[in-house]
Amino acid sequence: MHPPTHHPRLPAPSRDFGPRSARKRRAVLTWGLGADSTANILRFINNPVGNGLEPDLSDLVIVHAVTGDVL
């Protein structure tokens, strides 16, 4: 399998083709703007190491989507 080619004006793709277990896993939290999801995010932010994250939260991804609900 060949590495992906890229457009010369775009950044080069990652060369991290190593085993998945060798790469740092990320935690992904969905944030619905409700009390429960907000409390979970605050728990992770206030004690990242205690929740299995890096101290600088570099492995935490928070996802929120605004769907455009119309009244």
Protein backbone atom coordinates (compact mmCIF):
# COMPACT_ATOMS: atom_id res chain seq x y z
CA MET A 1 0.00 0.00 0.00
CA HIS A 2 1.37 3.39 -0.99
CA PRO A 3 1.15 6.44 1.28
CA PRO A 4 -1.45 8.95 0.11
CA THR A 5 -0.33 11.63 -2.31
CA HIS A 6 -1.09 15.22 -1.54
CA HIS A 7 -1.55 18.51 -3.29
CA PRO A 8 1.67 20.59 -3.16
CA ARG A 9 -0.15 23.59 -1.63
CA LEU A 10 -1.52 21.53 1.27
CA PRO A 11 0.42 20.28 4.29
CA ALA A 12 2.01 16.88 3.87
CA PRO A 13 -0.02 14.00 5.31
CA SER A 14 1.01 12.41 8.58
CA ARG A 15 3.66 9.73 8.26
CA ASP A 16 2.38 7.98 11.39
CA PHE A 17 1.64 4.58 9.84
CA GLY A 18 2.66 2.69 12.99
CA PRO A 19 0.46 0.30 14.88
CA ARG A 20 -2.68 1.86 16.31
CA SER A 21 -1.72 0.79 19.83
CA ALA A 22 1.50 2.85 19.61
CA ARG A 23 -0.45 6.08 19.02
CA LYS A 24 -2.02 8.11 21.81
CA ARG A 25 -5.77 7.65 21.94
CA ARG A 26 -8.02 10.68 22.21
CA ALA A 27 -11.06 11.11 24.38
CA VAL A 28 -14.05 12.50 22.51
CA LEU A 29 -16.92 14.04 24.46
CA THR A 30 -20.15 15.25 22.91
CA TRP A 31 -21.56 18.40 24.43
CA GLY A 32 -25.29 18.86 24.14
CA LEU A 33 -25.25 22.06 26.25
CA GLY A 34 -27.27 20.33 28.96
CA ALA A 35 -26.43 19.96 32.64
CA ASP A 36 -25.12 16.38 32.39
CA SER A 37 -22.74 16.89 29.47
CA THR A 38 -21.53 20.20 30.93
CA ALA A 39 -20.84 18.51 34.27
CA ASN A 40 -18.86 15.76 32.49
CA ILE A 41 -16.73 18.30 30.63
CA LEU A 42 -16.04 20.23 33.84
CA ARG A 43 -15.07 17.00 35.57
CA PHE A 44 -12.51 16.24 32.83
CA ILE A 45 -11.17 19.82 32.80
CA ASN A 46 -10.80 20.04 36.58
CA ASN A 47 -9.01 16.68 36.93
CA PRO A 48 -7.57 15.59 33.58
CA VAL A 49 -4.98 13.15 34.94
CA GLY A 50 -7.50 11.54 37.28
CA ASN A 51 -9.72 10.91 34.26
CA GLY A 52 -6.94 9.38 32.15
CA LEU A 53 -6.08 12.48 30.12
CA GLU A 54 -2.92 14.46 29.57
CA PRO A 55 -2.47 17.38 32.04
CA ASP A 56 -2.71 19.91 29.19
CA LEU A 57 -5.87 18.23 27.77
CA SER A 58 -4.13 17.78 24.41
CA ASP A 59 -5.89 14.43 23.97
CA LEU A 60 -9.41 15.74 24.66
CA VAL A 61 -11.80 16.57 21.83
CA ILE A 62 -15.17 18.18 22.58
CA VAL A 63 -17.80 18.02 19.84
CA HIS A 64 -20.87 20.24 19.67
CA ALA A 65 -23.22 20.73 16.76
CA VAL A 66 -25.73 23.52 16.26
CA THR A 67 -28.46 22.05 14.08
CA GLY A 68 -30.36 25.23 13.30
CA ASP A 69 -33.62 24.29 15.00
CA VAL A 70 -36.31 26.71 13.88
CA LEU A 71 -39.33 27.64 15.99
